[in-house]
């Protein structure tokens, strides 16, 4: 599933990697699976503002509710309640948020 005119990037909360597939998580709670990798979507113009905070996640910054630390780990809480761990190498991306 490439991003078509029927799917607005504004409705995507985050994308999750599943081997060579991507799972779209939408604001209405629905999910869709695509046969493209996260790297493909990371380079698409429609989603180039999304944040790759982990090798398995590509987040829409408009749906970030909070950023917090627990011990030495950083986490991002999304609008749908999902808590996603930020990888050590990607912590610099969230420092400006």
C-alpha atoms as a PDB file:
ATOM      1  CA  UNK A   1       0.000   0.000   0.000  1.00  0.00           C
ATOM      2  CA  UNK A   2       1.625   3.189  -1.102  1.00  0.00           C
ATOM      3  CA  UNK A   3       0.254   6.462   0.192  1.00  0.00           C
ATOM      4  CA  UNK A   4      -2.578   7.299  -2.127  1.00  0.00           C
ATOM      5  CA  UNK A   5      -4.987  10.200  -2.147  1.00  0.00           C
ATOM      6  CA  UNK A   6      -7.439   8.150  -0.079  1.00  0.00           C
ATOM      7  CA  UNK A   7      -4.998   7.978   2.845  1.00  0.00           C
ATOM      8  CA  UNK A   8      -3.927  11.215   4.402  1.00  0.00           C
ATOM      9  CA  UNK A   9      -0.641  11.159   6.341  1.00  0.00           C
ATOM     10  CA  UNK A  10      -2.418  13.399   8.866  1.00  0.00           C
ATOM     11  CA  UNK A  11      -4.566  10.397   9.901  1.00  0.00           C
ATOM     12  CA  UNK A  12      -1.575   8.125  10.569  1.00  0.00           C
ATOM     13  CA  UNK A  13      -0.450   7.995  14.211  1.00  0.00           C
ATOM     14  CA  UNK A  14       2.587   5.799  13.513  1.00  0.00           C
ATOM     15  CA  UNK A  15       3.970   3.058  11.322  1.00  0.00           C
ATOM     16  CA  UNK A  16       5.370  -0.127  12.809  1.00  0.00           C
ATOM     17  CA  UNK A  17       7.821  -2.507  11.151  1.00  0.00           C
ATOM     18  CA  UNK A  18       7.014  -6.199  10.928  1.00  0.00           C
ATOM     19  CA  UNK A  19       9.874  -7.916   9.079  1.00  0.00           C
ATOM     20  CA  UNK A  20       9.463  -6.644   5.471  1.00  0.00           C
ATOM     21  CA  UNK A  21       6.011  -5.174   6.067  1.00  0.00           C
ATOM     22  CA  UNK A  22       4.762  -1.921   7.576  1.00  0.00           C
ATOM     23  CA  UNK A  23       1.693  -1.673   9.765  1.00  0.00           C
ATOM     24  CA  UNK A  24      -0.145   1.637   9.628  1.00  0.00           C
ATOM     25  CA  UNK A  25      -1.882   2.676  12.860  1.00  0.00           C
ATOM     26  CA  UNK A  26      -4.632   5.232  12.218  1.00  0.00           C
ATOM     27  CA  UNK A  27      -6.326   7.717  14.549  1.00  0.00           C
ATOM     28  CA  UNK A  28      -9.637   5.852  14.225  1.00  0.00           C
ATOM     29  CA  UNK A  29      -8.021   2.716  15.712  1.00  0.00           C
ATOM     30  CA  UNK A  30      -7.817   0.793  12.445  1.00  0.00           C
ATOM     31  CA  UNK A  31      -4.672  -0.842  11.082  1.00  0.00           C
ATOM     32  CA  UNK A  32      -3.496  -1.583   7.556  1.00  0.00           C
ATOM     33  CA  UNK A  33      -0.564  -3.665   6.405  1.00  0.00           C
ATOM     34  CA  UNK A  34       1.719  -2.680   3.551  1.00  0.00           C
ATOM     35  CA  UNK A  35       4.310  -4.796   1.760  1.00  0.00           C
ATOM     36  CA  UNK A  36       6.801  -1.904   1.794  1.00  0.00           C
ATOM     37  CA  UNK A  37       9.415  -1.362   4.501  1.00  0.00           C
ATOM     38  CA  UNK A  38       9.625   1.604   6.873  1.00  0.00           C
ATOM     39  CA  UNK A  39      12.642   2.862   4.949  1.00  0.00           C
ATOM     40  CA  UNK A  40      10.426   3.234   1.879  1.00  0.00           C
ATOM     41  CA  UNK A  41       7.939   5.397   3.802  1.00  0.00           C
ATOM     42  CA  UNK A  42      10.678   7.308   5.606  1.00  0.00           C
ATOM     43  CA  UNK A  43      11.852   8.594   2.213  1.00  0.00           C
ATOM     44  CA  UNK A  44       8.384   9.419   0.839  1.00  0.00           C
ATOM     45  CA  UNK A  45       7.576  13.121   0.551  1.00  0.00           C
ATOM     46  CA  UNK A  46       4.209  12.685   2.311  1.00  0.00           C
ATOM     47  CA  UNK A  47       5.807  11.182   5.429  1.00  0.00           C
ATOM     48  CA  UNK A  48       9.275  12.761   5.473  1.00  0.00           C
ATOM     49  CA  UNK A  49       8.313  14.812   8.549  1.00  0.00           C
ATOM     50  CA  UNK A  50       7.694  11.592  10.523  1.00  0.00           C
ATOM     51  CA  UNK A  51      10.307  10.688  13.140  1.00  0.00           C
ATOM     52  CA  UNK A  52      12.279   7.437  13.015  1.00  0.00           C
ATOM     53  CA  UNK A  53      12.923   7.020  16.749  1.00  0.00           C
ATOM     54  CA  UNK A  54      13.579   3.279  16.589  1.00  0.00           C
ATOM     55  CA  UNK A  55      14.283   0.816  13.812  1.00  0.00           C
ATOM     56  CA  UNK A  56      10.742  -0.498  14.218  1.00  0.00           C
ATOM     57  CA  UNK A  57       8.777   2.769  14.411  1.00  0.00           C
ATOM     58  CA  UNK A  58       8.094   5.833  12.309  1.00  0.00           C
ATOM     59  CA  UNK A  59       6.024   8.386  14.272  1.00  0.00           C
ATOM     60  CA  UNK A  60       3.821  11.254  13.219  1.00  0.00           C
ATOM     61  CA  UNK A  61       4.969  14.100  15.514  1.00  0.00           C
ATOM     62  CA  UNK A  62       1.449  15.591  15.589  1.00  0.00           C
ATOM     63  CA  UNK A  63       0.266  12.617  17.683  1.00  0.00           C
ATOM     64  CA  UNK A  64       3.012  12.702  20.322  1.00  0.00           C
ATOM     65  CA  UNK A  65       1.401  13.331  23.712  1.00  0.00           C
ATOM     66  CA  UNK A  66       4.461  13.205  25.955  1.00  0.00           C
ATOM     67  CA  UNK A  67       8.133  12.303  26.143  1.00  0.00           C
ATOM     68  CA  UNK A  68       9.490  10.935  29.407  1.00  0.00           C
ATOM     69  CA  UNK A  69      12.349   8.984  30.933  1.00  0.00           C
ATOM     70  CA  UNK A  70      12.166   5.835  33.000  1.00  0.00           C
ATOM     71  CA  UNK A  71      15.597   5.015  34.349  1.00  0.00           C
ATOM     72  CA  UNK A  72      18.090   5.310  31.493  1.00  0.00           C
ATOM     73  CA  UNK A  73      15.415   4.788  28.826  1.00  0.00           C
ATOM     74  CA  UNK A  74      13.367   7.418  26.990  1.00  0.00           C
ATOM     75  CA  UNK A  75       9.777   6.789  25.921  1.00  0.00           C
ATOM     76  CA  UNK A  76       7.204   8.540  23.763  1.00  0.00           C
ATOM     77  CA  UNK A  77       3.504   8.274  24.513  1.00  0.00           C
ATOM     78  CA  UNK A  78       1.288   8.485  21.445  1.00  0.00           C
ATOM     79  CA  UNK A  79      -2.305   9.738  21.164  1.00  0.00           C
ATOM     80  CA  UNK A  80      -3.661   6.179  21.068  1.00  0.00           C
ATOM     81  CA  UNK A  81      -1.941   5.324  24.386  1.00  0.00           C
ATOM     82  CA  UNK A  82       0.955   3.359  22.871  1.00  0.00           C
ATOM     83  CA  UNK A  83       4.277   3.862  24.671  1.00  0.00           C
ATOM     84  CA  UNK A  84       7.280   3.501  22.382  1.00  0.00           C
ATOM     85  CA  UNK A  85      10.865   3.217  23.553  1.00  0.00           C
ATOM     86  CA  UNK A  86      13.344   5.569  21.891  1.00  0.00           C
ATOM     87  CA  UNK A  87      16.584   3.893  20.850  1.00  0.00           C
ATOM     88  CA  UNK A  88      19.802   5.231  22.362  1.00  0.00           C
ATOM     89  CA  UNK A  89      21.086   6.417  19.001  1.00  0.00           C
ATOM     90  CA  UNK A  90      17.883   8.318  18.223  1.00  0.00           C
ATOM     91  CA  UNK A  91      17.550  10.224  21.527  1.00  0.00           C
ATOM     92  CA  UNK A  92      18.995  13.322  19.847  1.00  0.00           C
ATOM     93  CA  UNK A  93      15.919  13.497  17.587  1.00  0.00           C
ATOM     94  CA  UNK A  94      13.589  14.060  20.520  1.00  0.00           C
ATOM     95  CA  UNK A  95      15.794  16.525  22.372  1.00  0.00           C
ATOM     96  CA  UNK A  96      14.295  19.401  20.366  1.00  0.00           C
ATOM     97  CA  UNK A  97      10.652  18.352  20.827  1.00  0.00           C
END
